[in-house]
Amino acid sequence: MDPIVTPAGIDLSPATVLGAVLVGVLVGLIGVAARGGLMALLDELAADVRAIGARLIATVLRRRPNLPQTPWFCVSCRSSNVPSASVCYSCGAERAVAEAPVPAAEPPAGPSAGTTMRRG
């Protein structure tokens, strides 16, 4: 039979307490390092999965040339719709009636764009 441990039987010498603290700190540091490594591994895995998904989608779209590959924009509500949609997801307008040309990319505005000078 195992002996019962009582508070009087616990060794609370400074060396034992210091040893317990050091072991606790060491285990904590190992846990933090393991967690950081695991998080980095999961981030890399997620990036790889996204890249594989993007390549897979591009391959499927290349093999189906009759599908439009750019989104279309609704004139009435200005929503961007997926290429295969025949009606606007937002307002329900038919694509043949509501399709707007794809907006051209514009260079970004300078740092002072949209600000006004105040006199005071």
PDB file of N, CA and C in Angstrom:
ATOM      1  N   MET A   1       0.841  -1.161   0.000  1.00  0.00           N
ATOM      2  CA  MET A   1       0.000   0.000   0.000  1.00  0.00           C
ATOM      3  C   MET A   1       0.898   1.241   0.000  1.00  0.00           C
ATOM      4  N   ASP A   2       0.480   2.274  -0.778  1.00  0.00           N
ATOM      5  CA  ASP A   2       1.260   3.500  -0.870  1.00  0.00           C
ATOM      6  C   ASP A   2       1.055   4.341   0.385  1.00  0.00           C
ATOM      7  N   PRO A   3       2.142   4.988   0.819  1.00  0.00           N
ATOM      8  CA  PRO A   3       1.981   5.855   1.992  1.00  0.00           C
ATOM      9  C   PRO A   3       1.205   7.116   1.615  1.00  0.00           C
ATOM     10  N   ILE A   4       0.465   7.663   2.533  1.00  0.00           N
ATOM     11  CA  ILE A   4      -0.293   8.896   2.328  1.00  0.00           C
ATOM     12  C   ILE A   4       0.643  10.065   2.556  1.00  0.00           C
ATOM     13  N   VAL A   5       0.632  11.011   1.587  1.00  0.00           N
ATOM     14  CA  VAL A   5       1.486  12.192   1.696  1.00  0.00           C
ATOM     15  C   VAL A   5       0.718  13.253   2.474  1.00  0.00           C
ATOM     16  N   THR A   6       1.340  13.752   3.492  1.00  0.00           N
ATOM     17  CA  THR A   6       0.742  14.800   4.300  1.00  0.00           C
ATOM     18  C   THR A   6       1.534  16.076   4.123  1.00  0.00           C
ATOM     19  N   PRO A   7       0.963  17.248   4.425  1.00  0.00           N
ATOM     20  CA  PRO A   7       1.719  18.497   4.303  1.00  0.00           C
ATOM     21  C   PRO A   7       3.015  18.477   5.101  1.00  0.00           C
ATOM     22  N   ALA A   8       3.037  17.761   6.170  1.00  0.00           N
ATOM     23  CA  ALA A   8       4.264  17.701   6.961  1.00  0.00           C
ATOM     24  C   ALA A   8       5.328  16.882   6.249  1.00  0.00           C
ATOM     25  N   GLY A   9       4.925  15.991   5.355  1.00  0.00           N
ATOM     26  CA  GLY A   9       5.888  15.134   4.670  1.00  0.00           C
ATOM     27  C   GLY A   9       6.432  15.708   3.376  1.00  0.00           C
ATOM     28  N   ILE A  10       6.002  16.913   2.970  1.00  0.00           N
ATOM     29  CA  ILE A  10       6.474  17.528   1.727  1.00  0.00           C
ATOM     30  C   ILE A  10       7.744  18.305   2.016  1.00  0.00           C
ATOM     31  N   ASP A  11       8.754  18.059   1.177  1.00  0.00           N
ATOM     32  CA  ASP A  11      10.039  18.742   1.325  1.00  0.00           C
ATOM     33  C   ASP A  11       9.940  20.123   0.687  1.00  0.00           C
ATOM     34  N   LEU A  12       9.968  21.181   1.454  1.00  0.00           N
ATOM     35  CA  LEU A  12       9.889  22.551   0.947  1.00  0.00           C
ATOM     36  C   LEU A  12      11.207  23.285   1.114  1.00  0.00           C
ATOM     37  N   SER A  13      12.302  22.565   0.961  1.00  0.00           N
ATOM     38  CA  SER A  13      13.599  23.225   1.073  1.00  0.00           C
ATOM     39  C   SER A  13      13.785  24.160  -0.126  1.00  0.00           C
ATOM     40  N   PRO A  14      14.621  25.179   0.028  1.00  0.00           N
ATOM     41  CA  PRO A  14      14.843  26.128  -1.077  1.00  0.00           C
ATOM     42  C   PRO A  14      15.316  25.443  -2.363  1.00  0.00           C
ATOM     43  N   ALA A  15      16.123  24.417  -2.243  1.00  0.00           N
ATOM     44  CA  ALA A  15      16.613  23.718  -3.434  1.00  0.00           C
ATOM     45  C   ALA A  15      15.462  23.028  -4.171  1.00  0.00           C
ATOM     46  N   THR A  16      14.535  22.437  -3.433  1.00  0.00           N
ATOM     47  CA  THR A  16      13.402  21.749  -4.055  1.00  0.00           C
ATOM     48  C   THR A  16      12.466  22.751  -4.735  1.00  0.00           C
ATOM     49  N   VAL A  17      12.195  23.852  -4.065  1.00  0.00           N
ATOM     50  CA  VAL A  17      11.326  24.879  -4.645  1.00  0.00           C
ATOM     51  C   VAL A  17      11.975  25.476  -5.886  1.00  0.00           C
ATOM     52  N   LEU A  18      13.276  25.778  -5.819  1.00  0.00           N
ATOM     53  CA  LEU A  18      13.993  26.320  -6.970  1.00  0.00           C
ATOM     54  C   LEU A  18      13.986  25.326  -8.116  1.00  0.00           C
ATOM     55  N   GLY A  19      14.165  24.055  -7.822  1.00  0.00           N
ATOM     56  CA  GLY A  19      14.127  23.025  -8.862  1.00  0.00           C
ATOM     57  C   GLY A  19      12.760  22.955  -9.519  1.00  0.00           C
ATOM     58  N   ALA A  20      11.692  23.033  -8.714  1.00  0.00           N
ATOM     59  CA  ALA A  20      10.338  22.982  -9.268  1.00  0.00           C
ATOM     60  C   ALA A  20      10.067  24.201 -10.153  1.00  0.00           C
ATOM     61  N   VAL A  21      10.538  25.379  -9.713  1.00  0.00           N
ATOM     62  CA  VAL A  21      10.351  26.595 -10.512  1.00  0.00           C
ATOM     63  C   VAL A  21      11.108  26.479 -11.826  1.00  0.00           C
ATOM     64  N   LEU A  22      12.342  26.003 -11.775  1.00  0.00           N
ATOM     65  CA  LEU A  22      13.147  25.862 -13.000  1.00  0.00           C
ATOM     66  C   LEU A  22      12.503  24.858 -13.965  1.00  0.00           C
ATOM     67  N   VAL A  23      12.002  23.761 -13.444  1.00  0.00           N
ATOM     68  CA  VAL A  23      11.334  22.775 -14.304  1.00  0.00           C
ATOM     69  C   VAL A  23      10.081  23.395 -14.920  1.00  0.00           C
ATOM     70  N   GLY A  24       9.318  24.150 -14.131  1.00  0.00           N
ATOM     71  CA  GLY A  24       8.127  24.815 -14.664  1.00  0.00           C
ATOM     72  C   GLY A  24       8.450  25.805 -15.759  1.00  0.00           C
ATOM     73  N   VAL A  25       9.495  26.605 -15.558  1.00  0.00           N
ATOM     74  CA  VAL A  25       9.905  27.585 -16.572  1.00  0.00           C
ATOM     75  C   VAL A  25      10.378  26.867 -17.830  1.00  0.00           C
ATOM     76  N   LEU A  26      11.158  25.808 -17.675  1.00  0.00           N
ATOM     77  CA  LEU A  26      11.667  25.055 -18.814  1.00  0.00           C
ATOM     78  C   LEU A  26      10.520  24.432 -19.611  1.00  0.00           C
ATOM     79  N   VAL A  27       9.567  23.844 -18.919  1.00  0.00           N
ATOM     80  CA  VAL A  27       8.413  23.252 -19.608  1.00  0.00           C
ATOM     81  C   VAL A  27       7.606  24.339 -20.305  1.00  0.00           C
ATOM     82  N   GLY A  28       7.455  25.500 -19.689  1.00  0.00           N
ATOM     83  CA  GLY A  28       6.742  26.611 -20.313  1.00  0.00           C
ATOM     84  C   GLY A  28       7.434  27.098 -21.578  1.00  0.00           C
ATOM     85  N   LEU A  29       8.764  27.232 -21.527  1.00  0.00           N
ATOM     86  CA  LEU A  29       9.519  27.669 -22.706  1.00  0.00           C
ATOM     87  C   LEU A  29       9.428  26.652 -23.840  1.00  0.00           C
ATOM     88  N   ILE A  30       9.515  25.387 -23.489  1.00  0.00           N
ATOM     89  CA  ILE A  30       9.390  24.343 -24.513  1.00  0.00           C
ATOM     90  C   ILE A  30       7.992  24.392 -25.130  1.00  0.00           C
ATOM     91  N   GLY A  31       6.968  24.621 -24.307  1.00  0.00           N
ATOM     92  CA  GLY A  31       5.600  24.725 -24.820  1.00  0.00           C
ATOM     93  C   GLY A  31       5.423  25.902 -25.754  1.00  0.00           C
ATOM     94  N   VAL A  32       5.999  27.042 -25.392  1.00  0.00           N
ATOM     95  CA  VAL A  32       5.896  28.232 -26.246  1.00  0.00           C
ATOM     96  C   VAL A  32       6.621  27.993 -27.567  1.00  0.00           C
ATOM     97  N   ALA A  33       7.813  27.399 -27.519  1.00  0.00           N
ATOM     98  CA  ALA A  33       8.564  27.126 -28.741  1.00  0.00           C
ATOM     99  C   ALA A  33       7.814  26.135 -29.625  1.00  0.00           C
ATOM    100  N   ALA A  34       7.247  25.099 -29.010  1.00  0.00           N
ATOM    101  CA  ALA A  34       6.505  24.106 -29.782  1.00  0.00           C
ATOM    102  C   ALA A  34       5.273  24.731 -30.420  1.00  0.00           C
ATOM    103  N   ARG A  35       4.590  25.598 -29.675  1.00  0.00           N
ATOM    104  CA  ARG A  35       3.395  26.255 -30.205  1.00  0.00           C
ATOM    105  C   ARG A  35       3.759  27.164 -31.371  1.00  0.00           C
ATOM    106  N   GLY A  36       4.863  27.926 -31.218  1.00  0.00           N
ATOM    107  CA  GLY A  36       5.298  28.794 -32.307  1.00  0.00           C
ATOM    108  C   GLY A  36       5.666  28.002 -33.543  1.00  0.00           C
ATOM    109  N   GLY A  37       6.367  26.894 -33.350  1.00  0.00           N
ATOM    110  CA  GLY A  37       6.722  26.036 -34.480  1.00  0.00           C
ATOM    111  C   GLY A  37       5.501  25.436 -35.137  1.00  0.00           C
ATOM    112  N   LEU A  38       4.541  25.024 -34.322  1.00  0.00           N
ATOM    113  CA  LEU A  38       3.309  24.456 -34.860  1.00  0.00           C
ATOM    114  C   LEU A  38       2.513  25.501 -35.631  1.00  0.00           C
ATOM    115  N   MET A  39       2.451  26.713 -35.093  1.00  0.00           N
ATOM    116  CA  MET A  39       1.729  27.778 -35.790  1.00  0.00           C
ATOM    117  C   MET A  39       2.397  28.104 -37.132  1.00  0.00           C
ATOM    118  N   ALA A  40       3.727  28.150 -37.150  1.00  0.00           N
ATOM    119  CA  ALA A  40       4.435  28.417 -38.403  1.00  0.00           C
ATOM    120  C   ALA A  40       4.183  27.298 -39.408  1.00  0.00           C
ATOM    121  N   LEU A  41       4.191  26.067 -38.928  1.00  0.00           N
ATOM    122  CA  LEU A  41       3.935  24.924 -39.804  1.00  0.00           C
ATOM    123  C   LEU A  41       2.514  24.997 -40.374  1.00  0.00           C
ATOM    124  N   LEU A  42       1.546  25.337 -39.538  1.00  0.00           N
ATOM    125  CA  LEU A  42       0.167  25.438 -40.012  1.00  0.00           C
ATOM    126  C   LEU A  42      -0.003  26.605 -40.990  1.00  0.00           C
ATOM    127  N   ASP A  43       0.701  27.717 -40.763  1.00  0.00           N
ATOM    128  CA  ASP A  43       0.641  28.842 -41.706  1.00  0.00           C
ATOM    129  C   ASP A  43       1.192  28.441 -43.070  1.00  0.00           C
ATOM    130  N   GLU A  44       2.316  27.726 -43.077  1.00  0.00           N
ATOM    131  CA  GLU A  44       2.893  27.264 -44.340  1.00  0.00           C
ATOM    132  C   GLU A  44       1.965  26.276 -45.028  1.00  0.00           C
ATOM    133  N   LEU A  45       1.367  25.389 -44.258  1.00  0.00           N
ATOM    134  CA  LEU A  45       0.446  24.415 -44.822  1.00  0.00           C
ATOM    135  C   LEU A  45      -0.762  25.116 -45.430  1.00  0.00           C
ATOM    136  N   ALA A  46      -1.300  26.114 -44.746  1.00  0.00           N
ATOM    137  CA  ALA A  46      -2.444  26.854 -45.273  1.00  0.00           C
ATOM    138  C   ALA A  46      -2.075  27.579 -46.566  1.00  0.00           C
ATOM    139  N   ALA A  47      -0.888  28.159 -46.627  1.00  0.00           N
ATOM    140  CA  ALA A  47      -0.446  28.831 -47.851  1.00  0.00           C
ATOM    141  C   ALA A  47      -0.313  27.831 -48.996  1.00  0.00           C
ATOM    142  N   ASP A  48       0.213  26.652 -48.701  1.00  0.00           N
ATOM    143  CA  ASP A  48       0.339  25.619 -49.731  1.00  0.00           C
ATOM    144  C   ASP A  48      -1.026  25.171 -50.227  1.00  0.00           C
ATOM    145  N   VAL A  49      -1.972  25.003 -49.320  1.00  0.00           N
ATOM    146  CA  VAL A  49      -3.318  24.585 -49.712  1.00  0.00           C
ATOM    147  C   VAL A  49      -3.976  25.650 -50.580  1.00  0.00           C
ATOM    148  N   ARG A  50      -3.808  26.936 -50.215  1.00  0.00           N
ATOM    149  CA  ARG A  50      -4.364  28.008 -51.042  1.00  0.00           C
ATOM    150  C   ARG A  50      -3.730  28.013 -52.435  1.00  0.00           C
ATOM    151  N   ALA A  51      -2.424  27.815 -52.509  1.00  0.00           N
ATOM    152  CA  ALA A  51      -1.742  27.809 -53.811  1.00  0.00           C
ATOM    153  C   ALA A  51      -2.214  26.632 -54.661  1.00  0.00           C
ATOM    154  N   ILE A  52      -2.374  25.471 -54.033  1.00  0.00           N
ATOM    155  CA  ILE A  52      -2.853  24.306 -54.771  1.00  0.00           C
ATOM    156  C   ILE A  52      -4.273  24.554 -55.268  1.00  0.00           C
ATOM    157  N   GLY A  53      -5.115  25.142 -54.418  1.00  0.00           N
ATOM    158  CA  GLY A  53      -6.479  25.450 -54.828  1.00  0.00           C
ATOM    159  C   GLY A  53      -6.518  26.420 -55.996  1.00  0.00           C
ATOM    160  N   ALA A  54      -5.675  27.441 -55.957  1.00  0.00           N
ATOM    161  CA  ALA A  54      -5.634  28.421 -57.042  1.00  0.00           C
ATOM    162  C   ALA A  54      -5.179  27.770 -58.346  1.00  0.00           C
ATOM    163  N   ARG A  55      -4.173  26.903 -58.258  1.00  0.00           N
ATOM    164  CA  ARG A  55      -3.710  26.197 -59.466  1.00  0.00           C
ATOM    165  C   ARG A  55      -4.785  25.272 -60.002  1.00  0.00           C
ATOM    166  N   LEU A  56      -5.500  24.607 -59.105  1.00  0.00           N
ATOM    167  CA  LEU A  56      -6.565  23.703 -59.524  1.00  0.00           C
ATOM    168  C   LEU A  56      -7.688  24.474 -60.221  1.00  0.00           C
ATOM    169  N   ILE A  57      -8.077  25.599 -59.663  1.00  0.00           N
ATOM    170  CA  ILE A  57      -9.122  26.417 -60.287  1.00  0.00           C
ATOM    171  C   ILE A  57      -8.663  26.919 -61.648  1.00  0.00           C
ATOM    172  N   ALA A  58      -7.415  27.372 -61.746  1.00  0.00           N
ATOM    173  CA  ALA A  58      -6.891  27.857 -63.028  1.00  0.00           C
ATOM    174  C   ALA A  58      -6.881  26.735 -64.062  1.00  0.00           C
ATOM    175  N   THR A  59      -6.525  25.529 -63.641  1.00  0.00           N
ATOM    176  CA  THR A  59      -6.499  24.389 -64.565  1.00  0.00           C
ATOM    177  C   THR A  59      -7.901  24.065 -65.055  1.00  0.00           C
ATOM    178  N   VAL A  60      -8.864  24.062 -64.157  1.00  0.00           N
ATOM    179  CA  VAL A  60     -10.243  23.776 -64.558  1.00  0.00           C
ATOM    180  C   VAL A  60     -10.749  24.835 -65.527  1.00  0.00           C
ATOM    181  N   LEU A  61     -10.455  26.106 -65.244  1.00  0.00           N
ATOM    182  CA  LEU A  61     -10.910  27.172 -66.139  1.00  0.00           C
ATOM    183  C   LEU A  61     -10.231  27.103 -67.504  1.00  0.00           C
ATOM    184  N   ARG A  62      -8.969  26.702 -67.534  1.00  0.00           N
ATOM    185  CA  ARG A  62      -8.277  26.567 -68.816  1.00  0.00           C
ATOM    186  C   ARG A  62      -8.885  25.450 -69.648  1.00  0.00           C
ATOM    187  N   ARG A  63      -9.344  24.408 -69.011  1.00  0.00           N
ATOM    188  CA  ARG A  63      -9.905  23.274 -69.745  1.00  0.00           C
ATOM    189  C   ARG A  63     -11.340  23.529 -70.192  1.00  0.00           C
ATOM    190  N   ARG A  64     -11.956  24.594 -69.701  1.00  0.00           N
ATOM    191  CA  ARG A  64     -13.316  24.934 -70.101  1.00  0.00           C
ATOM    192  C   ARG A  64     -13.291  26.331 -70.723  1.00  0.00           C
ATOM    193  N   PRO A  65     -12.793  26.444 -71.962  1.00  0.00           N
ATOM    194  CA  PRO A  65     -12.591  27.754 -72.567  1.00  0.00           C
ATOM    195  C   PRO A  65     -13.879  28.527 -72.830  1.00  0.00           C
ATOM    196  N   ASN A  66     -15.028  27.863 -72.828  1.00  0.00           N
ATOM    197  CA  ASN A  66     -16.258  28.588 -73.115  1.00  0.00           C
ATOM    198  C   ASN A  66     -16.760  29.375 -71.913  1.00  0.00           C
ATOM    199  N   LEU A  67     -16.163  29.195 -70.735  1.00  0.00           N
ATOM    200  CA  LEU A  67     -16.559  29.956 -69.558  1.00  0.00           C
ATOM    201  C   LEU A  67     -15.816  31.296 -69.520  1.00  0.00           C
ATOM    202  N   PRO A  68     -16.513  32.372 -69.257  1.00  0.00           N
ATOM    203  CA  PRO A  68     -15.797  33.642 -69.094  1.00  0.00           C
ATOM    204  C   PRO A  68     -14.926  33.582 -67.838  1.00  0.00           C
ATOM    205  N   GLN A  69     -13.754  34.203 -67.899  1.00  0.00           N
ATOM    206  CA  GLN A  69     -12.815  34.090 -66.789  1.00  0.00           C
ATOM    207  C   GLN A  69     -12.694  35.365 -65.972  1.00  0.00           C
ATOM    208  N   THR A  70     -13.399  36.408 -66.334  1.00  0.00           N
ATOM    209  CA  THR A  70     -13.343  37.638 -65.543  1.00  0.00           C
ATOM    210  C   THR A  70     -14.732  37.928 -64.983  1.00  0.00           C
ATOM    211  N   PRO A  71     -14.817  38.553 -63.844  1.00  0.00           N
ATOM    212  CA  PRO A  71     -16.129  38.871 -63.283  1.00  0.00           C
ATOM    213  C   PRO A  71     -16.842  39.920 -64.126  1.00  0.00           C
ATOM    214  N   TRP A  72     -18.124  39.967 -64.006  1.00  0.00           N
ATOM    215  CA  TRP A  72     -18.888  41.016 -64.671  1.00  0.00           C
ATOM    216  C   TRP A  72     -19.553  41.884 -63.620  1.00  0.00           C
ATOM    217  N   PHE A  73     -19.767  43.146 -63.972  1.00  0.00           N
ATOM    218  CA  PHE A  73     -20.282  44.128 -63.035  1.00  0.00           C
ATOM    219  C   PHE A  73     -21.666  44.575 -63.463  1.00  0.00           C
ATOM    220  N   CYS A  74     -22.565  44.632 -62.508  1.00  0.00           N
ATOM    221  CA  CYS A  74     -23.950  45.039 -62.762  1.00  0.00           C
ATOM    222  C   CYS A  74     -24.014  46.568 -62.854  1.00  0.00           C
ATOM    223  N   VAL A  75     -24.665  47.062 -63.911  1.00  0.00           N
ATOM    224  CA  VAL A  75     -24.792  48.507 -64.106  1.00  0.00           C
ATOM    225  C   VAL A  75     -25.709  49.119 -63.056  1.00  0.00           C
ATOM    226  N   SER A  76     -26.783  48.409 -62.694  1.00  0.00           N
ATOM    227  CA  SER A  76     -27.769  49.015 -61.805  1.00  0.00           C
ATOM    228  C   SER A  76     -27.306  49.082 -60.351  1.00  0.00           C
ATOM    229  N   CYS A  77     -26.615  48.042 -59.848  1.00  0.00           N
ATOM    230  CA  CYS A  77     -26.230  48.077 -58.429  1.00  0.00           C
ATOM    231  C   CYS A  77     -24.711  48.055 -58.223  1.00  0.00           C
ATOM    232  N   ARG A  78     -23.948  47.970 -59.298  1.00  0.00           N
ATOM    233  CA  ARG A  78     -22.478  47.998 -59.271  1.00  0.00           C
ATOM    234  C   ARG A  78     -21.857  46.833 -58.505  1.00  0.00           C
ATOM    235  N   SER A  79     -22.548  45.699 -58.435  1.00  0.00           N
ATOM    236  CA  SER A  79     -22.013  44.517 -57.764  1.00  0.00           C
ATOM    237  C   SER A  79     -21.137  43.732 -58.724  1.00  0.00           C
ATOM    238  N   SER A  80     -20.094  43.145 -58.185  1.00  0.00           N
ATOM    239  CA  SER A  80     -19.234  42.252 -58.954  1.00  0.00           C
ATOM    240  C   SER A  80     -19.819  40.850 -58.860  1.00  0.00           C
ATOM    241  N   ASN A  81     -19.993  40.194 -60.006  1.00  0.00           N
ATOM    242  CA  ASN A  81     -20.606  38.871 -60.047  1.00  0.00           C
ATOM    243  C   ASN A  81     -19.615  37.852 -60.590  1.00  0.00           C
ATOM    244  N   VAL A  82     -19.766  36.607 -60.183  1.00  0.00           N
ATOM    245  CA  VAL A  82     -18.886  35.543 -60.664  1.00  0.00           C
ATOM    246  C   VAL A  82     -19.093  35.366 -62.160  1.00  0.00           C
ATOM    247  N   PRO A  83     -18.062  34.926 -62.876  1.00  0.00           N
ATOM    248  CA  PRO A  83     -18.158  34.825 -64.336  1.00  0.00           C
ATOM    249  C   PRO A  83     -19.302  33.939 -64.827  1.00  0.00           C
ATOM    250  N   SER A  84     -19.647  32.892 -64.098  1.00  0.00           N
ATOM    251  CA  SER A  84     -20.663  31.961 -64.588  1.00  0.00           C
ATOM    252  C   SER A  84     -22.094  32.378 -64.248  1.00  0.00           C
ATOM    253  N   ALA A  85     -22.285  33.459 -63.497  1.00  0.00           N
ATOM    254  CA  ALA A  85     -23.629  33.877 -63.090  1.00  0.00           C
ATOM    255  C   ALA A  85     -24.398  34.467 -64.267  1.00  0.00           C
ATOM    256  N   SER A  86     -25.672  34.104 -64.377  1.00  0.00           N
ATOM    257  CA  SER A  86     -26.501  34.651 -65.449  1.00  0.00           C
ATOM    258  C   SER A  86     -27.363  35.810 -64.969  1.00  0.00           C
ATOM    259  N   VAL A  87     -27.489  35.943 -63.625  1.00  0.00           N
ATOM    260  CA  VAL A  87     -28.201  37.075 -63.036  1.00  0.00           C
ATOM    261  C   VAL A  87     -27.343  37.671 -61.933  1.00  0.00           C
ATOM    262  N   CYS A  88     -27.556  38.935 -61.635  1.00  0.00           N
ATOM    263  CA  CYS A  88     -26.810  39.614 -60.572  1.00  0.00           C
ATOM    264  C   CYS A  88     -27.226  39.040 -59.226  1.00  0.00           C
ATOM    265  N   TYR A  89     -26.249  38.708 -58.399  1.00  0.00           N
ATOM    266  CA  TYR A  89     -26.570  38.115 -57.103  1.00  0.00           C
ATOM    267  C   TYR A  89     -27.241  39.126 -56.176  1.00  0.00           C
ATOM    268  N   SER A  90     -26.987  40.425 -56.395  1.00  0.00           N
ATOM    269  CA  SER A  90     -27.493  41.444 -55.484  1.00  0.00           C
ATOM    270  C   SER A  90     -28.896  41.922 -55.856  1.00  0.00           C
ATOM    271  N   CYS A  91     -29.087  42.289 -57.115  1.00  0.00           N
ATOM    272  CA  CYS A  91     -30.380  42.871 -57.497  1.00  0.00           C
ATOM    273  C   CYS A  91     -31.209  41.958 -58.392  1.00  0.00           C
ATOM    274  N   GLY A  92     -30.630  40.856 -58.893  1.00  0.00           N
ATOM    275  CA  GLY A  92     -31.369  39.906 -59.716  1.00  0.00           C
ATOM    276  C   GLY A  92     -31.520  40.299 -61.172  1.00  0.00           C
ATOM    277  N   ALA A  93     -30.834  41.342 -61.618  1.00  0.00           N
ATOM    278  CA  ALA A  93     -30.931  41.771 -63.011  1.00  0.00           C
ATOM    279  C   ALA A  93     -30.278  40.732 -63.920  1.00  0.00           C
ATOM    280  N   GLU A  94     -30.854  40.557 -65.111  1.00  0.00           N
ATOM    281  CA  GLU A  94     -30.296  39.624 -66.087  1.00  0.00           C
ATOM    282  C   GLU A  94     -28.941  40.126 -66.569  1.00  0.00           C
ATOM    283  N   ARG A  95     -28.018  39.201 -66.789  1.00  0.00           N
ATOM    284  CA  ARG A  95     -26.659  39.578 -67.188  1.00  0.00           C
ATOM    285  C   ARG A  95     -26.658  40.315 -68.526  1.00  0.00           C
ATOM    286  N   ALA A  96     -27.445  39.855 -69.482  1.00  0.00           N
ATOM    287  CA  ALA A  96     -27.442  40.472 -70.810  1.00  0.00           C
ATOM    288  C   ALA A  96     -27.857  41.936 -70.739  1.00  0.00           C
ATOM    289  N   VAL A  97     -28.707  42.284 -69.785  1.00  0.00           N
ATOM    290  CA  VAL A  97     -29.182  43.658 -69.655  1.00  0.00           C
ATOM    291  C   VAL A  97     -28.283  44.477 -68.735  1.00  0.00           C
ATOM    292  N   ALA A  98     -27.771  43.849 -67.682  1.00  0.00           N
ATOM    293  CA  ALA A  98     -27.103  44.601 -66.619  1.00  0.00           C
ATOM    294  C   ALA A  98     -25.584  44.591 -66.673  1.00  0.00           C
ATOM    295  N   GLU A  99     -24.988  43.895 -67.633  1.00  0.00           N
ATOM    296  CA  GLU A  99     -23.529  43.789 -67.620  1.00  0.00           C
ATOM    297  C   GLU A  99     -22.873  45.103 -68.022  1.00  0.00           C
ATOM    298  N   ALA A 100     -21.941  45.540 -67.200  1.00  0.00           N
ATOM    299  CA  ALA A 100     -21.181  46.762 -67.452  1.00  0.00           C
ATOM    300  C   ALA A 100     -19.764  46.371 -67.852  1.00  0.00           C
ATOM    301  N   PRO A 101     -19.066  47.222 -68.559  1.00  0.00           N
ATOM    302  CA  PRO A 101     -17.675  46.908 -68.885  1.00  0.00           C
ATOM    303  C   PRO A 101     -16.824  46.850 -67.620  1.00  0.00           C
ATOM    304  N   VAL A 102     -15.787  46.040 -67.662  1.00  0.00           N
ATOM    305  CA  VAL A 102     -14.879  45.912 -66.518  1.00  0.00           C
ATOM    306  C   VAL A 102     -14.133  47.224 -66.347  1.00  0.00           C
ATOM    307  N   PRO A 103     -14.130  47.803 -65.137  1.00  0.00           N
ATOM    308  CA  PRO A 103     -13.443  49.080 -64.950  1.00  0.00           C
ATOM    309  C   PRO A 103     -11.939  48.940 -65.176  1.00  0.00           C
ATOM    310  N   ALA A 104     -11.370  49.953 -65.809  1.00  0.00           N
ATOM    311  CA  ALA A 104      -9.929  49.949 -66.051  1.00  0.00           C
ATOM    312  C   ALA A 104      -9.200  50.305 -64.763  1.00  0.00           C
ATOM    313  N   ALA A 105      -8.037  49.732 -64.598  1.00  0.00           N
ATOM    314  CA  ALA A 105      -7.229  50.016 -63.412  1.00  0.00           C
ATOM    315  C   ALA A 105      -6.656  51.418 -63.526  1.00  0.00           C
ATOM    316  N   GLU A 106      -6.707  52.158 -62.447  1.00  0.00           N
ATOM    317  CA  GLU A 106      -6.161  53.508 -62.415  1.00  0.00           C
ATOM    318  C   GLU A 106      -4.973  53.529 -61.478  1.00  0.00           C
ATOM    319  N   PRO A 107      -3.984  54.367 -61.757  1.00  0.00           N
ATOM    320  CA  PRO A 107      -2.853  54.442 -60.832  1.00  0.00           C
ATOM    321  C   PRO A 107      -3.320  54.978 -59.485  1.00  0.00           C
ATOM    322  N   PRO A 108      -2.668  54.558 -58.412  1.00  0.00           N
ATOM    323  CA  PRO A 108      -3.090  55.033 -57.091  1.00  0.00           C
ATOM    324  C   PRO A 108      -2.913  56.540 -56.958  1.00  0.00           C
ATOM    325  N   ALA A 109      -3.763  57.141 -56.151  1.00  0.00           N
ATOM    326  CA  ALA A 109      -3.695  58.573 -55.930  1.00  0.00           C
ATOM    327  C   ALA A 109      -2.472  58.907 -55.080  1.00  0.00           C
ATOM    328  N   GLY A 110      -2.016  60.130 -55.157  1.00  0.00           N
ATOM    329  CA  GLY A 110      -0.863  60.567 -54.368  1.00  0.00           C
ATOM    330  C   GLY A 110      -1.197  60.676 -52.900  1.00  0.00           C
ATOM    331  N   PRO A 111      -0.220  60.964 -52.080  1.00  0.00           N
ATOM    332  CA  PRO A 111      -0.450  60.997 -50.638  1.00  0.00           C
ATOM    333  C   PRO A 111      -1.399  62.107 -50.187  1.00  0.00           C
ATOM    334  N   SER A 112      -1.564  63.143 -50.992  1.00  0.00           N
ATOM    335  CA  SER A 112      -2.426  64.253 -50.565  1.00  0.00           C
ATOM    336  C   SER A 112      -3.813  64.167 -51.182  1.00  0.00           C
ATOM    337  N   ALA A 113      -4.121  63.072 -51.878  1.00  0.00           N
ATOM    338  CA  ALA A 113      -5.420  62.949 -52.531  1.00  0.00           C
ATOM    339  C   ALA A 113      -6.530  62.897 -51.490  1.00  0.00           C
ATOM    340  N   GLY A 114      -7.562  63.665 -51.722  1.00  0.00           N
ATOM    341  CA  GLY A 114      -8.710  63.665 -50.842  1.00  0.00           C
ATOM    342  C   GLY A 114      -8.588  64.570 -49.633  1.00  0.00           C
ATOM    343  N   THR A 115      -7.503  65.287 -49.507  1.00  0.00           N
ATOM    344  CA  THR A 115      -7.356  66.194 -48.367  1.00  0.00           C
ATOM    345  C   THR A 115      -7.580  67.620 -48.845  1.00  0.00           C
ATOM    346  N   THR A 116      -8.009  68.422 -47.949  1.00  0.00           N
ATOM    347  CA  THR A 116      -8.199  69.839 -48.285  1.00  0.00           C
ATOM    348  C   THR A 116      -7.298  70.672 -47.400  1.00  0.00           C
ATOM    349  N   MET A 117      -6.944  71.819 -47.888  1.00  0.00           N
ATOM    350  CA  MET A 117      -6.112  72.723 -47.111  1.00  0.00           C
ATOM    351  C   MET A 117      -7.037  73.619 -46.307  1.00  0.00           C
ATOM    352  N   ARG A 118      -6.802  73.739 -45.044  1.00  0.00           N
ATOM    353  CA  ARG A 118      -7.621  74.595 -44.194  1.00  0.00           C
ATOM    354  C   ARG A 118      -6.822  75.831 -43.811  1.00  0.00           C
ATOM    355  N   ARG A 119      -7.508  76.921 -43.826  1.00  0.00           N
ATOM    356  CA  ARG A 119      -6.888  78.147 -43.379  1.00  0.00           C
ATOM    357  C   ARG A 119      -7.445  78.492 -42.023  1.00  0.00           C
ATOM    358  N   GLY A 120      -6.594  78.863 -41.147  1.00  0.00           N
ATOM    359  CA  GLY A 120      -7.147  79.154 -39.853  1.00  0.00           C
ATOM    360  C   GLY A 120      -6.412  80.128 -39.096  1.00  0.00           C
TER     361      GLY A 120
END
